[in-house]
C-alpha atoms as a PDB file:
ATOM      1  CA  MET A   1      27.147 -33.616 -46.686  1.00  0.00           C
ATOM      2  CA  PRO A   2      25.225 -33.353 -43.438  1.00  0.00           C
ATOM      3  CA  VAL A   3      21.428 -33.467 -43.563  1.00  0.00           C
ATOM      4  CA  GLY A   4      19.990 -30.049 -42.775  1.00  0.00           C
ATOM      5  CA  GLU A   5      18.345 -26.962 -44.149  1.00  0.00           C
ATOM      6  CA  TYR A   6      20.424 -24.937 -46.603  1.00  0.00           C
ATOM      7  CA  PRO A   7      19.524 -21.864 -48.622  1.00  0.00           C
ATOM      8  CA  VAL A   8      18.914 -22.248 -52.341  1.00  0.00           C
ATOM      9  CA  GLU A   9      19.659 -19.281 -54.571  1.00  0.00           C
ATOM     10  CA  VAL A  10      18.618 -18.910 -58.194  1.00  0.00           C
ATOM     11  CA  SER A  11      20.238 -16.518 -60.630  1.00  0.00           C
ATOM     12  CA  ILE A  12      18.249 -15.297 -63.599  1.00  0.00           C
ATOM     13  CA  CYS A  13      19.111 -13.900 -66.995  1.00  0.00           C
ATOM     14  CA  ARG A  14      17.071 -11.611 -69.169  1.00  0.00           C
ATOM     15  CA  SER A  15      17.288 -11.861 -72.921  1.00  0.00           C
ATOM     16  CA  ASN A  16      15.451 -10.428 -75.902  1.00  0.00           C
ATOM     17  CA  GLU A  17      15.590 -13.906 -77.456  1.00  0.00           C
ATOM     18  CA  LEU A  18      14.722 -16.009 -74.384  1.00  0.00           C
ATOM     19  CA  GLY A  19      12.921 -13.641 -72.023  1.00  0.00           C
ATOM     20  CA  VAL A  20      13.497 -14.256 -68.314  1.00  0.00           C
ATOM     21  CA  ARG A  21      15.144 -17.618 -67.603  1.00  0.00           C
ATOM     22  CA  MET A  22      16.433 -19.363 -64.536  1.00  0.00           C
ATOM     23  CA  CYS A  23      20.186 -19.380 -65.121  1.00  0.00           C
ATOM     24  CA  THR A  24      21.813 -21.263 -62.210  1.00  0.00           C
ATOM     25  CA  ALA A  25      20.547 -22.833 -58.990  1.00  0.00           C
ATOM     26  CA  ARG A  26      22.910 -22.936 -56.017  1.00  0.00           C
ATOM     27  CA  LEU A  27      22.601 -24.844 -52.751  1.00  0.00           C
ATOM     28  CA  LYS A  28      24.810 -22.985 -50.267  1.00  0.00           C
ATOM     29  CA  ILE A  29      26.155 -25.500 -47.738  1.00  0.00           C
ATOM     30  CA  LYS A  30      28.763 -23.331 -45.998  1.00  0.00           C
ATOM     31  CA  LYS A  31      29.390 -19.580 -45.952  1.00  0.00           C
ATOM     32  CA  THR A  32      32.850 -19.966 -47.474  1.00  0.00           C
ATOM     33  CA  GLU A  33      33.563 -19.027 -51.093  1.00  0.00           C
ATOM     34  CA  ALA A  34      33.965 -21.657 -53.798  1.00  0.00           C
ATOM     35  CA  ILE A  35      37.296 -21.451 -55.603  1.00  0.00           C
ATOM     36  CA  LEU A  36      37.059 -24.722 -57.549  1.00  0.00           C
ATOM     37  CA  TYR A  37      34.186 -26.678 -59.100  1.00  0.00           C
ATOM     38  CA  LYS A  38      34.119 -30.405 -59.810  1.00  0.00           C
ATOM     39  CA  LEU A  39      31.467 -32.396 -61.623  1.00  0.00           C
ATOM     40  CA  ALA A  40      29.090 -34.023 -59.130  1.00  0.00           C
ATOM     41  CA  ASN A  41      29.329 -37.660 -60.126  1.00  0.00           C
ATOM     42  CA  PRO A  42      26.563 -39.998 -58.987  1.00  0.00           C
ATOM     43  CA  THR A  43      27.083 -43.471 -57.612  1.00  0.00           C
ATOM     44  CA  GLU A  44      25.897 -46.460 -59.621  1.00  0.00           C
ATOM     45  CA  GLU A  45      22.825 -46.601 -57.338  1.00  0.00           C
ATOM     46  CA  SER A  46      21.892 -42.953 -57.849  1.00  0.00           C
ATOM     47  CA  ALA A  47      22.841 -42.561 -61.520  1.00  0.00           C
ATOM     48  CA  ALA A  48      20.200 -41.788 -64.122  1.00  0.00           C
ATOM     49  CA  PHE A  49      22.016 -44.082 -66.534  1.00  0.00           C
ATOM     50  CA  VAL A  50      24.724 -46.707 -66.102  1.00  0.00           C
ATOM     51  CA  GLY A  51      26.422 -47.932 -69.254  1.00  0.00           C
ATOM     52  CA  LYS A  52      29.359 -50.224 -69.923  1.00  0.00           C
ATOM     53  CA  ASP A  53      31.665 -47.200 -69.607  1.00  0.00           C
ATOM     54  CA  GLY A  54      30.282 -46.281 -66.172  1.00  0.00           C
ATOM     55  CA  VAL A  55      27.749 -43.803 -64.859  1.00  0.00           C
ATOM     56  CA  LEU A  56      26.449 -40.829 -66.813  1.00  0.00           C
ATOM     57  CA  SER A  57      26.922 -37.635 -64.809  1.00  0.00           C
ATOM     58  CA  GLY A  58      23.831 -35.500 -64.573  1.00  0.00           C
ATOM     59  CA  PHE A  59      20.098 -35.924 -64.332  1.00  0.00           C
ATOM     60  CA  PRO A  60      17.202 -35.965 -66.777  1.00  0.00           C
ATOM     61  CA  VAL A  61      14.507 -33.291 -66.616  1.00  0.00           C
ATOM     62  CA  ASP A  62      10.951 -33.933 -67.706  1.00  0.00           C
ATOM     63  CA  ALA A  63       8.176 -31.342 -67.283  1.00  0.00           C
ATOM     64  CA  GLY A  64      10.786 -28.564 -67.249  1.00  0.00           C
ATOM     65  CA  MET A  65      11.446 -28.494 -63.485  1.00  0.00           C
ATOM     66  CA  ILE A  66      14.328 -29.395 -61.188  1.00  0.00           C
ATOM     67  CA  SER A  67      14.152 -29.890 -57.460  1.00  0.00           C
ATOM     68  CA  ILE A  68      16.774 -29.663 -54.763  1.00  0.00           C
ATOM     69  CA  CYS A  69      16.277 -31.780 -51.659  1.00  0.00           C
ATOM     70  CA  ASP A  70      17.864 -34.620 -49.718  1.00  0.00           C
ATOM     71  CA  GLU A  71      17.043 -38.310 -50.083  1.00  0.00           C
ATOM     72  CA  GLN A  72      14.525 -38.352 -47.217  1.00  0.00           C
ATOM     73  CA  VAL A  73      12.588 -35.363 -48.561  1.00  0.00           C
ATOM     74  CA  ALA A  74      12.626 -36.944 -52.038  1.00  0.00           C
ATOM     75  CA  LYS A  75      11.049 -40.112 -50.595  1.00  0.00           C
ATOM     76  CA  GLU A  76       8.448 -38.031 -48.751  1.00  0.00           C
ATOM     77  CA  TYR A  77       7.688 -36.151 -51.969  1.00  0.00           C
ATOM     78  CA  LYS A  78       7.198 -39.417 -53.859  1.00  0.00           C
ATOM     79  CA  GLU A  79       4.818 -40.633 -51.128  1.00  0.00           C
ATOM     80  CA  PHE A  80       2.903 -37.346 -51.324  1.00  0.00           C
ATOM     81  CA  ILE A  81       2.562 -37.613 -55.127  1.00  0.00           C
ATOM     82  CA  ASP A  82       1.543 -41.292 -54.925  1.00  0.00           C
ATOM     83  CA  ASP A  83      -1.127 -40.421 -52.342  1.00  0.00           C
ATOM     84  CA  TRP A  84      -2.242 -37.410 -54.359  1.00  0.00           C
ATOM     85  CA  TYR A  85      -2.800 -39.610 -57.434  1.00  0.00           C
ATOM     86  CA  LYS A  86      -4.760 -42.128 -55.351  1.00  0.00           C
ATOM     87  CA  ASP A  87      -7.124 -39.277 -54.452  1.00  0.00           C
ATOM     88  CA  ASN A  88      -6.980 -37.730 -57.948  1.00  0.00           C
ATOM     89  CA  PRO A  89      -6.562 -40.648 -60.384  1.00  0.00           C
ATOM     90  CA  HIS A  90      -7.321 -38.531 -63.455  1.00  0.00           C
ATOM     91  CA  GLY A  91      -5.555 -35.400 -62.234  1.00  0.00           C
ATOM     92  CA  ASN A  92      -2.335 -33.702 -63.206  1.00  0.00           C
ATOM     93  CA  HIS A  93      -0.188 -32.920 -60.188  1.00  0.00           C
ATOM     94  CA  TYR A  94       1.255 -29.781 -61.747  1.00  0.00           C
ATOM     95  CA  ASP A  95      -1.925 -28.247 -63.202  1.00  0.00           C
ATOM     96  CA  ASP A  96      -4.243 -29.375 -60.410  1.00  0.00           C
ATOM     97  CA  TYR A  97      -1.978 -28.900 -57.394  1.00  0.00           C
ATOM     98  CA  PHE A  98       1.365 -27.108 -57.897  1.00  0.00           C
ATOM     99  CA  ALA A  99       0.293 -24.418 -60.407  1.00  0.00           C
ATOM    100  CA  LYS A 100      -1.344 -22.364 -57.644  1.00  0.00           C
ATOM    101  CA  PHE A 101       1.943 -22.211 -55.710  1.00  0.00           C
ATOM    102  CA  PHE A 102       3.839 -21.098 -58.813  1.00  0.00           C
ATOM    103  CA  LYS A 103       1.169 -18.467 -59.499  1.00  0.00           C
ATOM    104  CA  GLU A 104       1.561 -17.147 -55.933  1.00  0.00           C
ATOM    105  CA  SER A 105       5.327 -16.988 -56.447  1.00  0.00           C
ATOM    106  CA  ASP A 106       4.827 -15.057 -59.694  1.00  0.00           C
ATOM    107  CA  GLU A 107       2.458 -12.633 -57.963  1.00  0.00           C
ATOM    108  CA  LYS A 108       5.006 -12.003 -55.172  1.00  0.00           C
ATOM    109  CA  LEU A 109       8.072 -11.648 -57.440  1.00  0.00           C
ATOM    110  CA  PRO A 110       6.940 -11.069 -61.049  1.00  0.00           C
ATOM    111  CA  GLN A 111      10.149  -9.258 -61.981  1.00  0.00           C
ATOM    112  CA  TYR A 112      12.182 -12.450 -61.504  1.00  0.00           C
ATOM    113  CA  GLN A 113      10.165 -15.043 -63.415  1.00  0.00           C
ATOM    114  CA  ARG A 114       7.930 -15.731 -66.354  1.00  0.00           C
ATOM    115  CA  GLU A 115       4.162 -15.446 -66.132  1.00  0.00           C
ATOM    116  CA  GLY A 116       2.790 -18.348 -64.110  1.00  0.00           C
ATOM    117  CA  GLY A 117       5.936 -18.658 -61.969  1.00  0.00           C
ATOM    118  CA  ASP A 118       9.321 -20.322 -62.251  1.00  0.00           C
ATOM    119  CA  PHE A 119      10.234 -21.218 -58.665  1.00  0.00           C
ATOM    120  CA  ILE A 120       8.733 -22.169 -55.334  1.00  0.00           C
ATOM    121  CA  GLU A 121       9.740 -23.429 -51.924  1.00  0.00           C
ATOM    122  CA  TRP A 122       7.101 -26.079 -51.230  1.00  0.00           C
ATOM    123  CA  LYS A 123       6.328 -27.476 -47.791  1.00  0.00           C
ATOM    124  CA  ASN A 124       5.064 -31.050 -47.710  1.00  0.00           C
ATOM    125  CA  PRO A 125       1.712 -30.802 -45.882  1.00  0.00           C
ATOM    126  CA  LYS A 126       2.295 -34.163 -44.153  1.00  0.00           C
ATOM    127  CA  THR A 127       5.902 -33.869 -42.971  1.00  0.00           C
ATOM    128  CA  LYS A 128       6.402 -30.070 -43.111  1.00  0.00           C
ATOM    129  CA  ASN A 129       9.770 -30.657 -44.821  1.00  0.00           C
ATOM    130  CA  LYS A 130      10.569 -28.282 -47.671  1.00  0.00           C
ATOM    131  CA  LEU A 131      11.905 -28.659 -51.153  1.00  0.00           C
ATOM    132  CA  VAL A 132      12.681 -26.122 -53.838  1.00  0.00           C
ATOM    133  CA  MET A 133      11.329 -26.426 -57.376  1.00  0.00           C
ATOM    134  CA  VAL A 134      12.835 -24.336 -60.175  1.00  0.00           C
ATOM    135  CA  ALA A 135      12.099 -24.096 -63.891  1.00  0.00           C
ATOM    136  CA  SER A 136      14.973 -25.756 -65.706  1.00  0.00           C
ATOM    137  CA  GLY A 137      16.287 -22.955 -67.869  1.00  0.00           C
ATOM    138  CA  LEU A 138      15.495 -24.292 -71.329  1.00  0.00           C
ATOM    139  CA  GLY A 139      13.078 -26.993 -70.220  1.00  0.00           C
ATOM    140  CA  ASP A 140      13.377 -30.731 -70.673  1.00  0.00           C
ATOM    141  CA  GLY A 141      16.817 -32.187 -71.199  1.00  0.00           C
ATOM    142  CA  PHE A 142      19.838 -33.452 -69.323  1.00  0.00           C
ATOM    143  CA  TYR A 143      21.557 -31.228 -66.755  1.00  0.00           C
ATOM    144  CA  GLN A 144      24.754 -31.589 -64.761  1.00  0.00           C
ATOM    145  CA  SER A 145      25.678 -30.293 -61.322  1.00  0.00           C
ATOM    146  CA  TYR A 146      28.962 -29.317 -59.720  1.00  0.00           C
ATOM    147  CA  TRP A 147      30.339 -29.326 -56.185  1.00  0.00           C
ATOM    148  CA  GLY A 148      32.006 -26.068 -55.186  1.00  0.00           C
ATOM    149  CA  TYR A 149      35.114 -26.418 -53.011  1.00  0.00           C
ATOM    150  CA  ASP A 150      36.523 -23.690 -50.772  1.00  0.00           C
ATOM    151  CA  SER A 151      40.151 -22.853 -49.972  1.00  0.00           C
ATOM    152  CA  ASN A 152      40.201 -25.678 -47.371  1.00  0.00           C
ATOM    153  CA  ASN A 153      39.196 -28.148 -50.117  1.00  0.00           C
ATOM    154  CA  GLU A 154      35.820 -28.652 -48.400  1.00  0.00           C
ATOM    155  CA  ILE A 155      32.486 -28.691 -50.216  1.00  0.00           C
ATOM    156  CA  CYS A 156      30.710 -25.386 -49.659  1.00  0.00           C
ATOM    157  CA  GLU A 157      28.028 -25.433 -52.376  1.00  0.00           C
ATOM    158  CA  LEU A 158      26.315 -27.337 -55.164  1.00  0.00           C
ATOM    159  CA  ILE A 159      25.489 -25.530 -58.398  1.00  0.00           C
ATOM    160  CA  VAL A 160      23.237 -26.562 -61.263  1.00  0.00           C
ATOM    161  CA  PRO A 161      23.815 -24.525 -64.440  1.00  0.00           C
ATOM    162  CA  LEU A 162      20.493 -24.263 -66.280  1.00  0.00           C
ATOM    163  CA  VAL A 163      21.226 -21.777 -69.083  1.00  0.00           C
ATOM    164  CA  ASN A 164      24.656 -20.745 -70.321  1.00  0.00           C
ATOM    165  CA  PRO A 165      24.233 -17.028 -71.088  1.00  0.00           C
ATOM    166  CA  ASP A 166      27.383 -17.074 -73.255  1.00  0.00           C
ATOM    167  CA  LEU A 167      25.591 -19.292 -75.774  1.00  0.00           C
ATOM    168  CA  PHE A 168      22.997 -16.575 -76.286  1.00  0.00           C
ATOM    169  CA  GLY A 169      25.286 -13.543 -76.186  1.00  0.00           C
ATOM    170  CA  LEU A 170      23.918 -12.412 -72.826  1.00  0.00           C
END
């Protein structure tokens, strides 16, 4: 898919058992409607795990957050974090840096997230490129993503299911 800026949408679910949870994240690439979804399979180079049977589709989540960005922005993010830890060797990048952005998000849109915040659009202070961070539904684990295809059989979106409301009777 072409490098560019695309909107990211996040659906939420509300539950007596779970409270407010991020349900699905969607990267909208084209304005057309998805009529078919296919598992987004990684290459051997980008896979989280490669076994004798091939690549494992999906990605691991640690610290309960996912991010949606392209390869260049991911590299810039890694450089930012590496530099941040050089300046803050005993720090915690979430508690000491990102928590304030999540708190601001919660203060702006408290009806859509848990206390402390569940999503942000962060701008790298060095490059000004943006990436979206979203709480991963039920926290740490392994999540899959799916390409959405339109009626012309062209990719129009990427979705990441985070919580299946059917499993909780929502």
